[in-house]
């Protein structure tokens, strides 16, 4: 048996189509559900996927709504909890396993993982948080906050640059 990979789409409870990828090693000893960060997508973690595959772990990753190849308003949700509900729908979509299952969340994905695990910890072998987005490293300045609050009242969907260099 050799490594296999694939991708697909599934619909969330509200009908939003989310894109996902999966990778399986020749001999699977566990599963990692990868939850990516803000302004990213599931395919940005090739180095981590290769390391996990070499250790016998399959990797399943889903692009958040509005990011990567998933549907949705770019970089926007009305309720942050939507991300955790989408993750729960993804985990349900890929189905259960008798092998150990770990959730790995990076940056904003770490915050999503925390919210997901708070409701769905049963059956998980572990959680890995990489620089979880619990607080901002560099909070927005006073003027950015003022402009943001002003425009949020009149143009709530006005995009604002995240100020994050994905490289």
Protein backbone atom coordinates (compact mmCIF):
# COMPACT_ATOMS: atom_id res chain seq x y z
CA UNK A 1 0.00 0.00 0.00
CA UNK A 2 1.29 3.51 -0.78
CA UNK A 3 0.43 7.06 0.19
CA UNK A 4 -2.81 8.46 -1.14
CA UNK A 5 -4.19 11.99 -1.32
CA UNK A 6 -7.36 13.58 -2.51
CA UNK A 7 -9.71 16.48 -2.17
CA UNK A 8 -13.40 17.22 -2.20
CA UNK A 9 -16.19 19.50 -1.12
CA UNK A 10 -19.02 19.22 1.36
CA UNK A 11 -21.94 21.43 2.34
CA UNK A 12 -22.30 22.95 5.81
CA UNK A 13 -25.65 23.25 7.61
CA UNK A 14 -26.35 26.56 5.84
CA UNK A 15 -25.38 25.13 2.44
CA UNK A 16 -21.95 26.77 2.13
CA UNK A 17 -19.60 24.57 0.09
CA UNK A 18 -16.25 24.03 1.80
CA UNK A 19 -13.14 22.61 0.16
CA UNK A 20 -10.97 19.99 1.86
CA UNK A 21 -7.87 17.87 1.27
CA UNK A 22 -6.71 14.62 2.80
CA UNK A 23 -3.46 12.63 2.80
CA UNK A 24 -2.97 9.07 4.03
CA UNK A 25 0.32 7.29 4.64
CA UNK A 26 0.93 3.71 3.57
CA UNK A 27 0.39 2.53 7.14
CA UNK A 28 -1.90 4.79 9.15
CA UNK A 29 -1.42 4.98 12.92
CA UNK A 30 -3.59 8.04 13.60
CA UNK A 31 -5.37 11.05 12.15
CA UNK A 32 -4.62 14.76 12.40
CA UNK A 33 -7.32 17.30 11.63
CA UNK A 34 -5.46 20.43 10.59
CA UNK A 35 -7.16 23.79 11.26
CA UNK A 36 -5.38 26.61 9.41
CA UNK A 37 -4.98 30.24 10.42
CA UNK A 38 -6.36 33.55 9.18
CA UNK A 39 -5.65 34.64 5.61
CA UNK A 40 -4.42 31.10 4.83
CA UNK A 41 -5.67 27.87 3.33
CA UNK A 42 -5.23 24.16 3.96
CA UNK A 43 -2.56 23.68 1.27
CA UNK A 44 -0.03 25.99 3.01
CA UNK A 45 1.12 23.24 5.37
CA UNK A 46 3.03 20.94 3.01
CA UNK A 47 6.06 20.69 5.33
CA UNK A 48 3.86 19.66 8.27
CA UNK A 49 1.87 17.21 6.14
CA UNK A 50 5.08 15.51 4.96
CA UNK A 51 6.38 15.21 8.53
CA UNK A 52 3.10 13.75 9.79
CA UNK A 53 2.82 11.31 6.87
CA UNK A 54 6.36 10.10 7.54
CA UNK A 55 5.27 9.38 11.11
CA UNK A 56 2.23 7.40 9.97
CA UNK A 57 -0.41 10.09 10.56
CA UNK A 58 -3.08 10.90 8.00
CA UNK A 59 -3.93 14.59 7.60
CA UNK A 60 -7.35 16.05 6.86
CA UNK A 61 -7.67 19.81 6.32
CA UNK A 62 -10.54 22.04 5.31
CA UNK A 63 -10.42 25.63 4.01
CA UNK A 64 -12.51 27.89 6.24
CA UNK A 65 -15.49 29.60 4.66
CA UNK A 66 -14.40 32.69 2.79
CA UNK A 67 -10.80 31.47 2.58
CA UNK A 68 -8.86 29.30 0.15
CA UNK A 69 -11.12 27.40 -2.24
CA UNK A 70 -14.19 27.46 0.01
CA UNK A 71 -17.30 29.49 -0.69
CA UNK A 72 -18.27 32.46 1.42
CA UNK A 73 -17.63 36.14 1.72
CA UNK A 74 -13.85 36.57 1.69
CA UNK A 75 -12.50 36.67 5.24
CA UNK A 76 -15.86 37.35 6.90
CA UNK A 77 -18.28 35.59 9.22
CA UNK A 78 -21.02 37.25 11.25
CA UNK A 79 -20.34 34.94 14.20
CA UNK A 80 -16.89 33.48 14.96
CA UNK A 81 -18.57 30.32 16.27
CA UNK A 82 -19.45 29.54 12.65
CA UNK A 83 -15.88 28.35 12.14
CA UNK A 84 -16.15 25.80 14.97
CA UNK A 85 -19.53 24.60 13.67
CA UNK A 86 -18.01 24.22 10.20
CA UNK A 87 -15.14 22.22 11.72
CA UNK A 88 -17.64 19.95 13.48
CA UNK A 89 -19.44 19.43 10.15
CA UNK A 90 -16.11 18.60 8.49
CA UNK A 91 -15.18 16.05 11.16
CA UNK A 92 -18.61 14.47 10.77
CA UNK A 93 -18.21 14.45 6.99
CA UNK A 94 -14.89 12.59 7.05
CA UNK A 95 -16.31 10.06 9.49
CA UNK A 96 -15.04 8.41 12.62
CA UNK A 97 -11.96 6.32 13.10
CA UNK A 98 -10.77 3.71 15.59
CA UNK A 99 -7.30 5.25 15.42
CA UNK A 100 -6.14 8.13 17.65
CA UNK A 101 -7.44 11.46 16.38
CA UNK A 102 -5.75 14.81 17.11
CA UNK A 103 -6.86 18.36 16.27
CA UNK A 104 -4.00 20.68 15.25
CA UNK A 105 -4.80 24.40 15.13
CA UNK A 106 -2.46 27.19 14.07
CA UNK A 107 -3.02 30.90 14.82
CA UNK A 108 -6.72 31.66 14.26
CA UNK A 109 -7.09 27.92 13.70
CA UNK A 110 -5.88 27.42 17.28
CA UNK A 111 -8.71 29.58 18.55
CA UNK A 112 -11.19 27.67 16.37
CA UNK A 113 -9.75 24.38 17.70
CA UNK A 114 -10.23 25.56 21.30
CA UNK A 115 -13.88 26.38 20.65
CA UNK A 116 -14.43 23.10 18.77
CA UNK A 117 -12.78 20.95 21.46
CA UNK A 118 -14.79 22.65 24.21
CA UNK A 119 -17.88 21.02 22.67
CA UNK A 120 -16.42 17.91 20.98
CA UNK A 121 -13.52 16.62 23.11
CA UNK A 122 -14.91 13.10 23.41
CA UNK A 123 -12.96 10.65 21.30
CA UNK A 124 -9.98 12.95 20.74
CA UNK A 125 -6.52 11.71 21.65
CA UNK A 126 -5.16 15.23 21.83
CA UNK A 127 -5.06 18.84 20.73
CA UNK A 128 -2.02 20.70 19.41
CA UNK A 129 -2.10 24.51 19.43
CA UNK A 130 0.53 26.37 17.43
CA UNK A 131 0.63 30.10 18.27
CA UNK A 132 -3.12 30.13 18.98
CA UNK A 133 -4.82 33.46 18.27
CA UNK A 134 -5.84 34.09 21.87
CA UNK A 135 -4.67 37.70 21.80
CA UNK A 136 -3.15 39.92 19.15
CA UNK A 137 0.62 40.22 19.04
CA UNK A 138 0.26 43.74 17.71
CA UNK A 139 -3.17 45.19 18.58
CA UNK A 140 -4.65 47.70 16.13
CA UNK A 141 -3.86 51.33 16.81
CA UNK A 142 -6.32 53.87 18.17
CA UNK A 143 -7.13 55.33 14.74
CA UNK A 144 -7.62 51.90 13.16
CA UNK A 145 -10.11 51.04 15.90
CA UNK A 146 -11.95 54.34 15.48
CA UNK A 147 -12.22 53.96 11.70
CA UNK A 148 -13.22 50.32 12.12
CA UNK A 149 -16.03 51.13 14.55
CA UNK A 150 -17.26 54.01 12.39
CA UNK A 151 -17.35 51.98 9.17
CA UNK A 152 -18.77 48.91 10.93
CA UNK A 153 -21.91 50.91 11.65
CA UNK A 154 -22.44 51.94 8.01
CA UNK A 155 -20.47 49.43 5.93
CA UNK A 156 -20.21 46.26 8.03
CA UNK A 157 -18.78 44.22 5.15
CA UNK A 158 -16.06 46.70 4.23
CA UNK A 159 -12.86 44.65 3.94
CA UNK A 160 -9.89 45.72 6.00
CA UNK A 161 -6.38 44.43 5.27
CA UNK A 162 -5.36 41.94 7.96
CA UNK A 163 -1.84 43.31 8.25
CA UNK A 164 -0.48 39.74 8.21
CA UNK A 165 2.29 38.72 5.85
CA UNK A 166 1.44 35.07 5.06
CA UNK A 167 5.07 34.35 4.22
